[in-house]
C-alpha atoms as a PDB file:
ATOM      1  CA  GLN A   1      90.820  -2.844 123.989  1.00  0.00           C
ATOM      2  CA  ASP A   2      90.497  -3.534 120.541  1.00  0.00           C
ATOM      3  CA  ARG A   3      89.036  -0.959 117.980  1.00  0.00           C
ATOM      4  CA  HIS A   4      88.432   0.135 115.063  1.00  0.00           C
ATOM      5  CA  PRO A   5      91.559   2.951 114.404  1.00  0.00           C
ATOM      6  CA  HIS A   6      88.966   5.296 112.278  1.00  0.00           C
ATOM      7  CA  ASP A   7      86.044   7.150 113.181  1.00  0.00           C
ATOM      8  CA  PRO A   8      83.696   5.913 110.013  1.00  0.00           C
ATOM      9  CA  LEU A   9      82.490   9.819 110.299  1.00  0.00           C
ATOM     10  CA  GLN A  10      86.207  11.193 110.059  1.00  0.00           C
ATOM     11  CA  PRO A  11      87.626   8.126 107.721  1.00  0.00           C
ATOM     12  CA  ASN A  12      90.447  10.474 107.477  1.00  0.00           C
ATOM     13  CA  HIS A  13      91.678  11.265 111.300  1.00  0.00           C
ATOM     14  CA  THR A  14      92.718   8.983 113.235  1.00  0.00           C
ATOM     15  CA  PHE A  15      95.541   9.096 116.548  1.00  0.00           C
ATOM     16  CA  TYR A  16      96.678   6.160 116.301  1.00  0.00           C
ATOM     17  CA  PHE A  17     100.953   6.105 116.701  1.00  0.00           C
ATOM     18  CA  HIS A  18     102.496   3.406 115.143  1.00  0.00           C
ATOM     19  CA  VAL A  19     106.018   2.447 116.872  1.00  0.00           C
ATOM     20  CA  ASP A  20     106.781  -1.307 115.773  1.00  0.00           C
ATOM     21  CA  ASP A  21     104.473  -4.548 114.368  1.00  0.00           C
ATOM     22  CA  ASP A  22     104.043  -4.826 118.058  1.00  0.00           C
ATOM     23  CA  ARG A  23     102.991  -1.665 120.125  1.00  0.00           C
ATOM     24  CA  VAL A  24      99.930   1.651 119.452  1.00  0.00           C
ATOM     25  CA  ILE A  25     100.130   4.680 121.237  1.00  0.00           C
ATOM     26  CA  ASP A  26      96.024   4.836 121.274  1.00  0.00           C
ATOM     27  CA  ALA A  27      95.732   9.102 122.018  1.00  0.00           C
ATOM     28  CA  LYS A  28      92.116   9.310 121.269  1.00  0.00           C
ATOM     29  CA  PHE A  29      91.648   9.653 125.072  1.00  0.00           C
ATOM     30  CA  GLY A  30      94.592  11.353 126.374  1.00  0.00           C
ATOM     31  CA  GLY A  31      97.761  12.905 126.126  1.00  0.00           C
ATOM     32  CA  ASN A  32     100.213  15.357 125.446  1.00  0.00           C
ATOM     33  CA  SER A  33      99.897  17.946 122.880  1.00  0.00           C
ATOM     34  CA  ALA A  34     102.465  15.944 120.764  1.00  0.00           C
ATOM     35  CA  ARG A  35      99.299  14.223 119.439  1.00  0.00           C
ATOM     36  CA  TRP A  36      97.983  17.294 118.142  1.00  0.00           C
ATOM     37  CA  ILE A  37     101.476  16.756 115.938  1.00  0.00           C
ATOM     38  CA  ASN A  38     100.436  17.291 111.930  1.00  0.00           C
ATOM     39  CA  HIS A  39     102.003  14.601 109.157  1.00  0.00           C
ATOM     40  CA  SER A  40     103.476  16.291 107.148  1.00  0.00           C
ATOM     41  CA  CYS A  41     106.051  14.667 103.258  1.00  0.00           C
ATOM     42  CA  ASP A  42     108.207  18.072 103.885  1.00  0.00           C
ATOM     43  CA  PRO A  43     108.253  17.727 108.002  1.00  0.00           C
ATOM     44  CA  ASN A  44     110.323  19.561 109.883  1.00  0.00           C
ATOM     45  CA  CYS A  45     110.772  17.433 112.971  1.00  0.00           C
ATOM     46  CA  PHE A  46     110.718  13.367 113.828  1.00  0.00           C
ATOM     47  CA  ALA A  47     109.504  11.364 115.954  1.00  0.00           C
ATOM     48  CA  ASP A  48     112.054   9.157 117.861  1.00  0.00           C
ATOM     49  CA  GLU A  49     111.300   5.533 119.798  1.00  0.00           C
ATOM     50  CA  VAL A  50     114.081   5.159 123.173  1.00  0.00           C
ATOM     51  CA  ASP A  51     113.298   3.211 125.960  1.00  0.00           C
ATOM     52  CA  GLY A  52     109.321   2.848 125.303  1.00  0.00           C
ATOM     53  CA  ARG A  53     109.301   7.078 125.167  1.00  0.00           C
ATOM     54  CA  ILE A  54     108.269   8.233 122.148  1.00  0.00           C
ATOM     55  CA  PHE A  55     110.714  12.245 121.214  1.00  0.00           C
ATOM     56  CA  ILE A  56     109.835  14.770 119.036  1.00  0.00           C
ATOM     57  CA  THR A  57     112.990  15.838 118.114  1.00  0.00           C
ATOM     58  CA  ALA A  58     113.930  18.838 115.280  1.00  0.00           C
ATOM     59  CA  LEU A  59     114.800  17.764 112.002  1.00  0.00           C
ATOM     60  CA  ARG A  60     116.259  21.882 111.596  1.00  0.00           C
ATOM     61  CA  ASN A  61     115.900  25.083 113.585  1.00  0.00           C
ATOM     62  CA  ILE A  62     111.236  25.884 113.834  1.00  0.00           C
ATOM     63  CA  ALA A  63     109.867  29.108 113.791  1.00  0.00           C
ATOM     64  CA  ALA A  64     108.680  30.652 116.730  1.00  0.00           C
ATOM     65  CA  GLY A  65     104.482  30.196 115.692  1.00  0.00           C
ATOM     66  CA  GLU A  66     105.444  27.777 112.678  1.00  0.00           C
ATOM     67  CA  GLU A  67     103.771  24.496 112.619  1.00  0.00           C
ATOM     68  CA  ILE A  68     105.465  21.122 113.095  1.00  0.00           C
ATOM     69  CA  ASN A  69     104.683  18.257 111.282  1.00  0.00           C
ATOM     70  CA  TYR A  70     105.847  14.798 110.721  1.00  0.00           C
ATOM     71  CA  ASP A  71     106.011  12.192 108.239  1.00  0.00           C
ATOM     72  CA  TYR A  72     103.717   9.017 109.704  1.00  0.00           C
ATOM     73  CA  GLY A  73     104.940   7.668 107.678  1.00  0.00           C
ATOM     74  CA  LEU A  74     101.669   5.674 106.894  1.00  0.00           C
ATOM     75  CA  ILE A  75     100.168   4.590 104.163  1.00  0.00           C
ATOM     76  CA  ILE A  76      96.082   5.133 104.629  1.00  0.00           C
ATOM     77  CA  ASP A  77      94.216   3.793 101.849  1.00  0.00           C
ATOM     78  CA  GLU A  78      96.418   4.047  98.390  1.00  0.00           C
ATOM     79  CA  ARG A  79      92.839   6.022  97.018  1.00  0.00           C
ATOM     80  CA  TYR A  80      93.029   8.633  99.224  1.00  0.00           C
ATOM     81  CA  THR A  81      97.041   8.362  99.510  1.00  0.00           C
ATOM     82  CA  PRO A  82      98.043  10.535  95.610  1.00  0.00           C
ATOM     83  CA  LYS A  83      94.961  13.135  97.103  1.00  0.00           C
ATOM     84  CA  LEU A  84      96.256  13.343 100.312  1.00  0.00           C
ATOM     85  CA  LYS A  85     100.087  13.815  99.319  1.00  0.00           C
ATOM     86  CA  ALA A  86      98.942  16.196  97.412  1.00  0.00           C
ATOM     87  CA  GLU A  87      97.125  18.903  99.289  1.00  0.00           C
END
């Protein structure tokens, strides 16, 4: 089913995970807790695709209670990207 990647009420939020030029995972209606991992320009983990599955791998030791995050590698919109990178 085709749908727009962004909810107009939340334009900077999406559950799409870009795998490659031909594949996107849409976790809006299902998936596991990995869909809640937030973006960081200084991530503590990365996403890796192996045989059609996505694995989240730590880049360093992550303390208990520390937020897990990775670099989405997205440019949402040129007018928003500098602001988001600053946050």
